[in-house]
Amino acid sequence: MKRDSLNENFWNNRYLDNDTGWDLGAISPAIKKWFDTKKNKDLQILIPGAGKGHEVKYGFDHGFNNIHYLDISSRAVTFFKDNCPNFPKEQILICDFFDLKKDLFFDVVIEQTFFCAISPVLRKSYVKKTHEILKENGCIIGLLFNKKFDNQGPPFGGFYEEYIELFSDLFIIEKLENSVRSVHPRKENEFWIKMRKK
C-alpha cells in the first residue's frame, strides 16, 4: 500500500465507518505513566497521527502546554476539537507528518499507533523526519508493535531486530523493551521505546 492510498480520505472513511480499532478510548497506560513522571512541563511535544487525541488531551490537561496535535484526517481533528475545546488552535497541525514544516522543532515525539499506520516503505523516511524535527538531545518515546500481522495492513507490525537496524544510525536506542503497561489485548506485543537523537 503506497503513501498516496493512506491519505486523508482513507483515514476519514475509517472514522466514518467507526473502523478505529487502534483507538483505546482513553490514553495508553504506558504514556500516561510517562506524563505522570515528567517534572518538566515546558517540553515541546508532538504527537503525530494523534487521532481522537486522548494522549494530547491528557498531557494538556496536566499542564503540558507546549504539546502539539498532528493528524491528516479532518474527521479525527473534529473529534479532538469537540473533546478538548480549550486546546490552542495554533497547536493543532492538520497535515501529512512528512510535510511538516522544517521550522518546527520538538523535545519529544510521542509514538502511539502512528508508526504502525504508515506504509513500511516510509519507515526510513519516518526516522529521518523525526530526527529532523527533534531538537538536540530530543527523544522519541512511546510504543511500537512487537508483532507481525497476517493482514496487509494498516496496522503494520514489526520486530526487535528490524527496529534496531532502522533507528541505530540516527538515534541512540536507550530503551526497546517489553512494555509492562500495555492494555490487555496488546500485552507481550508492544515495546516501550526511548530513542535519543544523535
N, C-alpha and C. Protein backbone atom coordinates (compact mmCIF):
# COMPACT_ATOMS: atom_id res chain seq x y z
N MET A 1 0.84 -1.19 0.00
CA MET A 1 0.00 0.00 0.00
C MET A 1 0.88 1.25 0.00
N LYS A 2 0.71 2.09 -0.99
CA LYS A 2 1.56 3.26 -1.13
C LYS A 2 1.07 4.40 -0.23
N ARG A 3 1.94 5.37 -0.07
CA ARG A 3 1.62 6.52 0.77
C ARG A 3 0.33 7.19 0.30
N ASP A 4 0.17 7.34 -1.02
CA ASP A 4 -0.99 8.05 -1.56
C ASP A 4 -2.31 7.39 -1.18
N SER A 5 -2.31 6.05 -1.00
CA SER A 5 -3.56 5.37 -0.67
C SER A 5 -3.93 5.53 0.80
N LEU A 6 -2.95 5.84 1.63
CA LEU A 6 -3.21 6.07 3.06
C LEU A 6 -3.31 7.58 3.29
N ASN A 7 -4.23 8.18 2.57
CA ASN A 7 -4.35 9.63 2.58
C ASN A 7 -5.49 10.08 3.49
N GLU A 8 -5.83 11.36 3.41
CA GLU A 8 -6.89 11.90 4.27
C GLU A 8 -8.21 11.17 4.05
N ASN A 9 -8.56 10.89 2.80
CA ASN A 9 -9.82 10.20 2.53
C ASN A 9 -9.86 8.82 3.16
N PHE A 10 -8.75 8.10 3.07
CA PHE A 10 -8.68 6.76 3.67
C PHE A 10 -8.98 6.84 5.16
N TRP A 11 -8.31 7.75 5.86
CA TRP A 11 -8.47 7.81 7.32
C TRP A 11 -9.82 8.42 7.70
N ASN A 12 -10.31 9.39 6.93
CA ASN A 12 -11.65 9.91 7.20
C ASN A 12 -12.70 8.81 7.10
N ASN A 13 -12.55 7.96 6.10
CA ASN A 13 -13.51 6.86 5.93
C ASN A 13 -13.43 5.87 7.09
N ARG A 14 -12.22 5.66 7.61
CA ARG A 14 -12.09 4.77 8.77
C ARG A 14 -12.87 5.32 9.96
N TYR A 15 -12.80 6.63 10.17
CA TYR A 15 -13.55 7.25 11.26
C TYR A 15 -15.05 7.21 11.00
N LEU A 16 -15.44 7.50 9.77
CA LEU A 16 -16.86 7.50 9.43
C LEU A 16 -17.47 6.10 9.57
N ASP A 17 -16.67 5.07 9.26
CA ASP A 17 -17.14 3.69 9.37
C ASP A 17 -16.97 3.12 10.79
N ASN A 18 -16.46 3.97 11.68
CA ASN A 18 -16.16 3.54 13.05
C ASN A 18 -15.21 2.35 13.07
N ASP A 19 -14.30 2.34 12.09
CA ASP A 19 -13.30 1.28 11.96
C ASP A 19 -11.99 1.79 12.57
N THR A 20 -12.02 1.94 13.89
CA THR A 20 -10.90 2.58 14.61
C THR A 20 -10.39 1.68 15.74
N GLY A 21 -10.02 0.47 15.36
CA GLY A 21 -9.58 -0.50 16.36
C GLY A 21 -8.34 -0.09 17.13
N TRP A 22 -7.58 0.86 16.58
CA TRP A 22 -6.37 1.33 17.28
C TRP A 22 -6.72 2.24 18.46
N ASP A 23 -7.93 2.80 18.44
CA ASP A 23 -8.32 3.79 19.45
C ASP A 23 -8.75 3.08 20.73
N LEU A 24 -8.03 3.33 21.82
CA LEU A 24 -8.33 2.68 23.10
C LEU A 24 -9.49 3.34 23.83
N GLY A 25 -9.90 4.52 23.37
CA GLY A 25 -10.96 5.25 24.05
C GLY A 25 -10.46 6.04 25.25
N ALA A 26 -9.17 5.97 25.49
CA ALA A 26 -8.52 6.67 26.61
C ALA A 26 -7.03 6.68 26.33
N ILE A 27 -6.29 7.42 27.14
CA ILE A 27 -4.84 7.45 26.99
C ILE A 27 -4.25 6.07 27.23
N SER A 28 -3.21 5.73 26.47
CA SER A 28 -2.48 4.49 26.71
C SER A 28 -1.86 4.54 28.11
N PRO A 29 -2.02 3.48 28.91
CA PRO A 29 -1.47 3.49 30.28
C PRO A 29 0.04 3.75 30.32
N ALA A 30 0.76 3.24 29.34
CA ALA A 30 2.22 3.44 29.34
C ALA A 30 2.57 4.92 29.14
N ILE A 31 1.84 5.59 28.26
CA ILE A 31 2.11 7.00 28.01
C ILE A 31 1.59 7.86 29.15
N LYS A 32 0.49 7.45 29.75
CA LYS A 32 0.01 8.14 30.96
C LYS A 32 1.09 8.13 32.04
N LYS A 33 1.72 6.98 32.23
CA LYS A 33 2.79 6.86 33.23
C LYS A 33 3.94 7.81 32.91
N TRP A 34 4.27 7.94 31.62
CA TRP A 34 5.34 8.84 31.22
C TRP A 34 4.99 10.28 31.60
N PHE A 35 3.78 10.71 31.24
CA PHE A 35 3.35 12.06 31.61
C PHE A 35 3.40 12.26 33.13
N ASP A 36 2.91 11.28 33.87
CA ASP A 36 2.79 11.41 35.32
C ASP A 36 4.14 11.50 36.02
N THR A 37 5.21 11.04 35.36
CA THR A 37 6.53 11.05 35.99
C THR A 37 7.43 12.18 35.47
N LYS A 38 6.94 12.97 34.50
CA LYS A 38 7.75 14.06 33.96
C LYS A 38 7.54 15.33 34.78
N LYS A 39 8.63 15.89 35.27
CA LYS A 39 8.55 17.13 36.05
C LYS A 39 8.64 18.37 35.17
N ASN A 40 9.33 18.27 34.03
CA ASN A 40 9.48 19.41 33.13
C ASN A 40 8.28 19.50 32.21
N LYS A 41 7.37 20.38 32.54
CA LYS A 41 6.14 20.52 31.76
C LYS A 41 6.26 21.56 30.65
N ASP A 42 7.48 22.09 30.46
CA ASP A 42 7.71 23.06 29.39
C ASP A 42 8.16 22.39 28.10
N LEU A 43 8.27 21.08 28.10
CA LEU A 43 8.74 20.36 26.92
C LEU A 43 7.86 20.65 25.70
N GLN A 44 8.52 20.83 24.57
CA GLN A 44 7.81 20.94 23.29
C GLN A 44 7.55 19.51 22.80
N ILE A 45 6.29 19.12 22.75
CA ILE A 45 5.92 17.73 22.46
C ILE A 45 5.06 17.68 21.20
N LEU A 46 5.33 16.68 20.36
CA LEU A 46 4.50 16.41 19.19
C LEU A 46 3.96 14.99 19.27
N ILE A 47 2.66 14.85 19.01
CA ILE A 47 2.07 13.52 18.87
C ILE A 47 1.50 13.41 17.46
N PRO A 48 2.24 12.74 16.55
CA PRO A 48 1.75 12.59 15.17
C PRO A 48 0.72 11.46 15.08
N GLY A 49 -0.19 11.61 14.12
CA GLY A 49 -1.24 10.61 13.98
C GLY A 49 -2.05 10.50 15.26
N ALA A 50 -2.37 11.65 15.85
CA ALA A 50 -2.93 11.68 17.20
C ALA A 50 -4.39 11.23 17.27
N GLY A 51 -5.07 11.16 16.13
CA GLY A 51 -6.43 10.64 16.11
C GLY A 51 -7.38 11.46 16.98
N LYS A 52 -8.10 10.76 17.84
CA LYS A 52 -9.04 11.46 18.73
C LYS A 52 -8.33 12.21 19.85
N GLY A 53 -7.02 12.02 19.96
CA GLY A 53 -6.20 12.88 20.79
C GLY A 53 -6.24 12.63 22.29
N HIS A 54 -6.46 11.38 22.70
CA HIS A 54 -6.52 11.09 24.14
C HIS A 54 -5.22 11.46 24.85
N GLU A 55 -4.09 11.15 24.22
CA GLU A 55 -2.78 11.45 24.82
C GLU A 55 -2.54 12.95 24.86
N VAL A 56 -2.93 13.64 23.78
CA VAL A 56 -2.76 15.10 23.73
C VAL A 56 -3.60 15.77 24.81
N LYS A 57 -4.84 15.37 24.92
CA LYS A 57 -5.73 15.96 25.91
C LYS A 57 -5.21 15.72 27.33
N TYR A 58 -4.76 14.51 27.61
CA TYR A 58 -4.26 14.21 28.95
C TYR A 58 -3.05 15.09 29.27
N GLY A 59 -2.12 15.16 28.34
CA GLY A 59 -0.94 15.99 28.57
C GLY A 59 -1.32 17.44 28.80
N PHE A 60 -2.18 17.97 27.94
CA PHE A 60 -2.60 19.37 28.05
C PHE A 60 -3.32 19.62 29.37
N ASP A 61 -4.22 18.73 29.73
CA ASP A 61 -4.98 18.88 30.98
C ASP A 61 -4.09 18.79 32.21
N HIS A 62 -2.91 18.21 32.06
CA HIS A 62 -1.98 18.07 33.19
C HIS A 62 -0.79 19.02 33.09
N GLY A 63 -0.99 20.12 32.36
CA GLY A 63 -0.03 21.21 32.42
C GLY A 63 1.05 21.23 31.35
N PHE A 64 1.00 20.30 30.41
CA PHE A 64 1.98 20.31 29.32
C PHE A 64 1.42 21.22 28.21
N ASN A 65 1.64 22.50 28.38
CA ASN A 65 1.00 23.49 27.50
C ASN A 65 1.63 23.59 26.12
N ASN A 66 2.82 23.00 25.94
CA ASN A 66 3.51 23.07 24.65
C ASN A 66 3.36 21.78 23.85
N ILE A 67 2.27 21.09 24.06
CA ILE A 67 2.01 19.85 23.34
C ILE A 67 1.28 20.16 22.04
N HIS A 68 1.65 19.44 20.99
CA HIS A 68 1.07 19.68 19.66
C HIS A 68 0.39 18.41 19.15
N TYR A 69 -0.79 18.61 18.60
CA TYR A 69 -1.59 17.55 17.98
C TYR A 69 -1.34 17.58 16.48
N LEU A 70 -1.13 16.41 15.87
CA LEU A 70 -0.99 16.34 14.41
C LEU A 70 -1.79 15.16 13.87
N ASP A 71 -2.59 15.41 12.85
CA ASP A 71 -3.26 14.33 12.13
C ASP A 71 -3.63 14.82 10.74
N ILE A 72 -3.68 13.88 9.81
CA ILE A 72 -4.05 14.20 8.43
C ILE A 72 -5.56 14.18 8.22
N SER A 73 -6.27 13.54 9.14
CA SER A 73 -7.71 13.34 8.99
C SER A 73 -8.51 14.49 9.58
N SER A 74 -9.26 15.18 8.75
CA SER A 74 -10.11 16.27 9.25
C SER A 74 -11.18 15.72 10.19
N ARG A 75 -11.61 14.50 9.97
CA ARG A 75 -12.61 13.87 10.83
C ARG A 75 -12.03 13.65 12.24
N ALA A 76 -10.80 13.18 12.29
CA ALA A 76 -10.14 12.99 13.59
C ALA A 76 -9.98 14.33 14.31
N VAL A 77 -9.61 15.35 13.57
CA VAL A 77 -9.43 16.69 14.15
C VAL A 77 -10.73 17.19 14.76
N THR A 78 -11.84 16.95 14.07
CA THR A 78 -13.15 17.36 14.60
C THR A 78 -13.45 16.67 15.92
N PHE A 79 -13.19 15.36 15.98
CA PHE A 79 -13.38 14.62 17.24
C PHE A 79 -12.55 15.26 18.35
N PHE A 80 -11.29 15.56 18.03
CA PHE A 80 -10.40 16.11 19.05
C PHE A 80 -10.87 17.48 19.52
N LYS A 81 -11.21 18.35 18.59
CA LYS A 81 -11.66 19.70 18.96
C LYS A 81 -12.91 19.65 19.83
N ASP A 82 -13.82 18.74 19.51
CA ASP A 82 -15.04 18.61 20.31
C ASP A 82 -14.73 18.12 21.73
N ASN A 83 -13.71 17.29 21.83
CA ASN A 83 -13.36 16.68 23.11
C ASN A 83 -12.44 17.57 23.95
N CYS A 84 -11.75 18.48 23.29
CA CYS A 84 -10.78 19.33 24.00
C CYS A 84 -10.91 20.77 23.47
N PRO A 85 -12.05 21.41 23.73
CA PRO A 85 -12.36 22.70 23.10
C PRO A 85 -11.41 23.84 23.49
N ASN A 86 -10.72 23.73 24.61
CA ASN A 86 -9.84 24.81 25.05
C ASN A 86 -8.41 24.67 24.52
N PHE A 87 -8.16 23.63 23.73
CA PHE A 87 -6.81 23.41 23.22
C PHE A 87 -6.45 24.51 22.21
N PRO A 88 -5.22 25.05 22.30
CA PRO A 88 -4.83 26.15 21.40
C PRO A 88 -4.89 25.73 19.92
N LYS A 89 -5.61 26.50 19.13
CA LYS A 89 -5.78 26.17 17.71
C LYS A 89 -4.45 26.13 16.96
N GLU A 90 -3.52 27.00 17.37
CA GLU A 90 -2.24 27.05 16.66
C GLU A 90 -1.38 25.81 16.94
N GLN A 91 -1.79 24.99 17.91
CA GLN A 91 -1.05 23.77 18.21
C GLN A 91 -1.73 22.52 17.64
N ILE A 92 -2.73 22.77 16.80
CA ILE A 92 -3.37 21.68 16.06
C ILE A 92 -2.83 21.72 14.64
N LEU A 93 -2.06 20.72 14.27
CA LEU A 93 -1.42 20.66 12.97
C LEU A 93 -2.17 19.66 12.09
N ILE A 94 -2.81 20.16 11.04
CA ILE A 94 -3.60 19.31 10.15
C ILE A 94 -2.80 19.16 8.85
N CYS A 95 -2.01 18.10 8.78
CA CYS A 95 -1.16 17.90 7.61
C CYS A 95 -0.58 16.49 7.64
N ASP A 96 0.07 16.15 6.55
CA ASP A 96 0.83 14.91 6.48
C ASP A 96 2.10 15.11 7.32
N PHE A 97 2.41 14.17 8.18
CA PHE A 97 3.61 14.24 9.01
C PHE A 97 4.85 14.54 8.19
N PHE A 98 4.95 13.94 7.01
CA PHE A 98 6.15 14.09 6.20
C PHE A 98 6.24 15.46 5.54
N ASP A 99 5.15 16.21 5.57
CA ASP A 99 5.15 17.57 5.03
C ASP A 99 5.27 18.63 6.13
N LEU A 100 5.54 18.19 7.34
CA LEU A 100 5.66 19.11 8.47
C LEU A 100 6.74 20.14 8.20
N LYS A 101 6.45 21.38 8.52
CA LYS A 101 7.38 22.47 8.27
C LYS A 101 8.73 22.23 8.94
N LYS A 102 9.78 22.66 8.27
CA LYS A 102 11.13 22.42 8.78
C LYS A 102 11.54 23.43 9.84
N ASP A 103 10.65 24.38 10.16
CA ASP A 103 10.98 25.35 11.21
C ASP A 103 10.31 25.00 12.53
N LEU A 104 9.73 23.80 12.63
CA LEU A 104 9.13 23.34 13.88
C LEU A 104 10.06 22.32 14.52
N PHE A 105 10.37 22.53 15.79
CA PHE A 105 11.29 21.62 16.49
C PHE A 105 10.72 21.24 17.85
N PHE A 106 10.97 20.00 18.24
CA PHE A 106 10.37 19.45 19.45
C PHE A 106 11.41 18.76 20.32
N ASP A 107 11.10 18.72 21.62
CA ASP A 107 11.94 17.97 22.55
C ASP A 107 11.59 16.50 22.54
N VAL A 108 10.31 16.22 22.31
CA VAL A 108 9.80 14.84 22.38
C VAL A 108 8.79 14.60 21.27
N VAL A 109 8.93 13.48 20.60
CA VAL A 109 7.88 12.96 19.72
C VAL A 109 7.32 11.72 20.41
N ILE A 110 6.01 11.70 20.65
CA ILE A 110 5.38 10.56 21.31
C ILE A 110 4.77 9.65 20.25
N GLU A 111 5.19 8.40 20.28
CA GLU A 111 4.74 7.41 19.31
C GLU A 111 3.63 6.55 19.91
N GLN A 112 2.44 6.67 19.32
CA GLN A 112 1.29 5.88 19.76
C GLN A 112 0.44 5.55 18.54
N THR A 113 0.66 4.40 17.95
CA THR A 113 -0.06 3.87 16.79
C THR A 113 0.07 4.72 15.52
N PHE A 114 1.09 5.56 15.42
CA PHE A 114 1.32 6.26 14.16
C PHE A 114 2.28 5.48 13.27
N PHE A 115 3.39 5.05 13.83
CA PHE A 115 4.40 4.31 13.07
C PHE A 115 3.78 3.09 12.38
N CYS A 116 2.88 2.40 13.07
CA CYS A 116 2.27 1.19 12.51
C CYS A 116 1.20 1.51 11.47
N ALA A 117 0.81 2.78 11.36
CA ALA A 117 -0.24 3.18 10.43
C ALA A 117 0.30 3.64 9.08
N ILE A 118 1.59 3.90 9.01
CA ILE A 118 2.19 4.31 7.74
C ILE A 118 2.74 3.09 7.01
N SER A 119 2.79 3.18 5.69
CA SER A 119 3.32 2.06 4.91
C SER A 119 4.77 1.77 5.31
N PRO A 120 5.14 0.49 5.42
CA PRO A 120 6.53 0.15 5.78
C PRO A 120 7.57 0.76 4.85
N VAL A 121 7.22 1.07 3.62
CA VAL A 121 8.20 1.68 2.71
C VAL A 121 8.57 3.09 3.17
N LEU A 122 7.79 3.66 4.08
CA LEU A 122 8.06 5.01 4.57
C LEU A 122 8.80 5.02 5.90
N ARG A 123 9.18 3.86 6.40
CA ARG A 123 9.77 3.84 7.74
C ARG A 123 11.11 4.55 7.81
N LYS A 124 11.93 4.43 6.80
CA LYS A 124 13.20 5.16 6.80
C LYS A 124 12.94 6.67 6.75
N SER A 125 11.91 7.06 6.01
CA SER A 125 11.54 8.48 5.96
C SER A 125 11.04 8.97 7.31
N TYR A 126 10.32 8.10 8.03
CA TYR A 126 9.85 8.44 9.38
C TYR A 126 11.05 8.72 10.30
N VAL A 127 12.04 7.85 10.24
CA VAL A 127 13.22 8.01 11.09
C VAL A 127 13.92 9.33 10.76
N LYS A 128 14.08 9.62 9.49
CA LYS A 128 14.74 10.86 9.07
C LYS A 128 13.95 12.09 9.48
N LYS A 129 12.62 12.00 9.33
CA LYS A 129 11.78 13.16 9.66
C LYS A 129 11.78 13.42 11.16
N THR A 130 11.66 12.38 11.97
CA THR A 130 11.68 12.60 13.42
C THR A 130 13.03 13.17 13.85
N HIS A 131 14.10 12.68 13.25
CA HIS A 131 15.43 13.20 13.56
C HIS A 131 15.52 14.68 13.19
N GLU A 132 14.94 15.04 12.06
CA GLU A 132 14.97 16.42 11.57
C GLU A 132 14.23 17.39 12.48
N ILE A 133 13.08 16.96 13.03
CA ILE A 133 12.23 17.88 13.80
C ILE A 133 12.54 17.87 15.29
N LEU A 134 13.39 16.95 15.73
CA LEU A 134 13.77 16.93 17.15
C LEU A 134 14.93 17.89 17.42
N LYS A 135 14.86 18.54 18.56
CA LYS A 135 15.97 19.39 18.99
C LYS A 135 17.16 18.52 19.40
N GLU A 136 18.28 19.16 19.66
CA GLU A 136 19.45 18.43 20.16
C GLU A 136 19.06 17.68 21.44
N ASN A 137 19.44 16.42 21.50
CA ASN A 137 19.11 15.52 22.63
C ASN A 137 17.62 15.19 22.73
N GLY A 138 16.85 15.54 21.69
CA GLY A 138 15.44 15.20 21.69
C GLY A 138 15.22 13.70 21.59
N CYS A 139 14.00 13.26 21.95
CA CYS A 139 13.72 11.82 22.03
C CYS A 139 12.40 11.46 21.34
N ILE A 140 12.36 10.24 20.83
CA ILE A 140 11.10 9.58 20.53
C ILE A 140 10.82 8.67 21.72
N ILE A 141 9.62 8.77 22.28
CA ILE A 141 9.21 7.83 23.32
C ILE A 141 7.85 7.26 22.93
N GLY A 142 7.51 6.13 23.51
CA GLY A 142 6.19 5.59 23.25
C GLY A 142 6.21 4.10 23.00
N LEU A 143 5.33 3.65 22.10
CA LEU A 143 5.09 2.23 21.89
C LEU A 143 5.22 1.85 20.42
N LEU A 144 5.85 0.71 20.20
CA LEU A 144 5.90 0.10 18.87
C LEU A 144 5.46 -1.35 18.99
N PHE A 145 4.81 -1.85 17.97
CA PHE A 145 4.37 -3.25 18.00
C PHE A 145 5.56 -4.20 17.99
N ASN A 146 5.44 -5.27 18.74
CA ASN A 146 6.36 -6.40 18.69
C ASN A 146 5.56 -7.58 18.14
N LYS A 147 5.16 -7.43 16.89
CA LYS A 147 4.26 -8.42 16.31
C LYS A 147 4.17 -8.20 14.80
N LYS A 148 4.06 -9.28 14.07
CA LYS A 148 3.77 -9.21 12.64
C LYS A 148 2.31 -9.54 12.44
N PHE A 149 1.64 -8.80 11.57
CA PHE A 149 0.22 -9.03 11.30
C PHE A 149 0.05 -9.80 10.00
N ASP A 150 -0.94 -10.69 9.98
CA ASP A 150 -1.20 -11.50 8.80
C ASP A 150 -1.85 -10.69 7.68
N ASN A 151 -2.65 -9.69 8.07
CA ASN A 151 -3.34 -8.89 7.05
C ASN A 151 -2.38 -7.89 6.41
N GLN A 152 -2.84 -7.30 5.32
CA GLN A 152 -1.99 -6.38 4.55
C GLN A 152 -1.70 -5.09 5.34
N GLY A 153 -2.62 -4.72 6.21
CA GLY A 153 -2.42 -3.51 7.00
C GLY A 153 -2.99 -2.27 6.32
N PRO A 154 -3.06 -1.16 7.04
CA PRO A 154 -2.60 -0.99 8.42
C PRO A 154 -3.52 -1.68 9.44
N PRO A 155 -2.99 -2.01 10.62
CA PRO A 155 -1.64 -1.72 11.11
C PRO A 155 -0.59 -2.64 10.49
N PHE A 156 0.63 -2.11 10.46
CA PHE A 156 1.79 -2.87 10.02
C PHE A 156 2.66 -3.12 11.25
N GLY A 157 3.03 -4.36 11.46
CA GLY A 157 3.80 -4.71 12.65
C GLY A 157 5.30 -4.54 12.47
N GLY A 158 6.04 -5.09 13.41
CA GLY A 158 7.49 -5.02 13.37
C GLY A 158 8.09 -5.86 14.46
N PHE A 159 9.43 -5.95 14.47
CA PHE A 159 10.10 -6.78 15.46
C PHE A 159 11.43 -6.13 15.86
N TYR A 160 12.01 -6.64 16.92
CA TYR A 160 13.16 -6.04 17.59
C TYR A 160 14.31 -5.73 16.63
N GLU A 161 14.77 -6.75 15.89
CA GLU A 161 15.94 -6.58 15.03
C GLU A 161 15.69 -5.53 13.94
N GLU A 162 14.47 -5.50 13.46
CA GLU A 162 14.10 -4.52 12.44
C GLU A 162 14.24 -3.09 12.99
N TYR A 163 13.76 -2.88 14.20
CA TYR A 163 13.84 -1.54 14.81
C TYR A 163 15.28 -1.13 15.09
N ILE A 164 16.08 -2.07 15.55
CA ILE A 164 17.50 -1.78 15.81
C ILE A 164 18.17 -1.30 14.52
N GLU A 165 17.95 -2.04 13.46
CA GLU A 165 18.57 -1.69 12.18
C GLU A 165 18.05 -0.35 11.66
N LEU A 166 16.76 -0.12 11.83
CA LEU A 166 16.13 1.07 11.29
C LEU A 166 16.56 2.35 12.00
N PHE A 167 16.64 2.32 13.32
CA PHE A 167 16.85 3.54 14.09
C PHE A 167 18.32 3.81 14.46
N SER A 168 19.17 2.81 14.41
CA SER A 168 20.51 2.93 15.02
C SER A 168 21.40 4.00 14.40
N ASP A 169 21.25 4.27 13.13
CA ASP A 169 22.13 5.25 12.50
C ASP A 169 21.92 6.66 13.04
N LEU A 170 20.67 7.01 13.33
CA LEU A 170 20.35 8.40 13.70
C LEU A 170 19.96 8.57 15.17
N PHE A 171 19.76 7.46 15.88
CA PHE A 171 19.31 7.53 17.27
C PHE A 171 20.12 6.60 18.17
N ILE A 172 20.28 7.04 19.41
CA ILE A 172 20.79 6.16 20.46
C ILE A 172 19.58 5.46 21.08
N ILE A 173 19.55 4.15 20.97
CA ILE A 173 18.39 3.40 21.47
C ILE A 173 18.59 3.14 22.96
N GLU A 174 17.91 3.95 23.77
CA GLU A 174 18.06 3.84 25.22
C GLU A 174 17.12 2.79 25.80
N LYS A 175 15.94 2.63 25.19
CA LYS A 175 15.00 1.60 25.63
C LYS A 175 14.28 1.01 24.43
N LEU A 176 14.25 -0.28 24.38
CA LEU A 176 13.47 -1.03 23.40
C LEU A 176 13.16 -2.35 24.09
N GLU A 177 12.13 -2.32 24.92
CA GLU A 177 11.87 -3.45 25.82
C GLU A 177 10.38 -3.71 25.93
N ASN A 178 10.05 -4.91 26.34
CA ASN A 178 8.64 -5.28 26.50
C ASN A 178 7.93 -4.27 27.40
N SER A 179 6.79 -3.78 26.92
CA SER A 179 6.02 -2.82 27.71
C SER A 179 5.23 -3.55 28.79
N VAL A 180 5.43 -3.13 30.03
CA VAL A 180 4.73 -3.77 31.15
C VAL A 180 3.39 -3.09 31.43
N ARG A 181 3.10 -2.01 30.69
CA ARG A 181 1.85 -1.28 30.93
C ARG A 181 0.94 -1.27 29.70
N SER A 182 1.10 -2.25 28.84
CA SER A 182 0.22 -2.33 27.68
C SER A 182 -1.18 -2.75 28.11
N VAL A 183 -2.19 -2.30 27.35
CA VAL A 183 -3.54 -2.77 27.61
C VAL A 183 -3.60 -4.26 27.31
N HIS A 184 -4.57 -4.95 27.92
CA HIS A 184 -4.60 -6.41 27.88
C HIS A 184 -4.49 -7.00 26.47
N PRO A 185 -5.24 -6.53 25.47
CA PRO A 185 -5.15 -7.14 24.14
C PRO A 185 -3.77 -7.01 23.49
N ARG A 186 -2.95 -6.08 23.98
CA ARG A 186 -1.63 -5.86 23.37
C ARG A 186 -0.48 -6.33 24.25
N LYS A 187 -0.78 -6.94 25.37
CA LYS A 187 0.28 -7.42 26.27
C LYS A 187 1.18 -8.39 25.54
N GLU A 188 2.48 -8.26 25.77
CA GLU A 188 3.53 -9.06 25.15
C GLU A 188 3.70 -8.76 23.65
N ASN A 189 2.93 -7.81 23.15
CA ASN A 189 3.01 -7.48 21.73
C ASN A 189 3.44 -6.04 21.47
N GLU A 190 3.94 -5.37 22.51
CA GLU A 190 4.38 -3.99 22.35
C GLU A 190 5.73 -3.77 23.05
N PHE A 191 6.54 -2.94 22.42
CA PHE A 191 7.78 -2.46 23.04
C PHE A 191 7.55 -1.05 23.57
N TRP A 192 8.14 -0.76 24.74
CA TRP A 192 8.29 0.62 25.18
C TRP A 192 9.62 1.11 24.64
N ILE A 193 9.60 2.29 24.02
CA ILE A 193 10.83 2.80 23.40
C ILE A 193 11.21 4.16 23.95
N LYS A 194 12.51 4.39 23.97
CA LYS A 194 13.07 5.72 24.16
C LYS A 194 14.31 5.78 23.29
N MET A 195 14.27 6.67 22.31
CA MET A 195 15.36 6.79 21.35
C MET A 195 15.79 8.24 21.29
N ARG A 196 17.06 8.45 21.60
CA ARG A 196 17.58 9.83 21.68
C ARG A 196 18.31 10.20 20.40
N LYS A 197 18.04 11.38 19.92
CA LYS A 197 18.68 11.88 18.68
C LYS A 197 20.19 11.95 18.83
N LYS A 198 20.89 11.40 17.86
CA LYS A 198 22.36 11.50 17.85
C LYS A 198 22.76 12.88 17.35
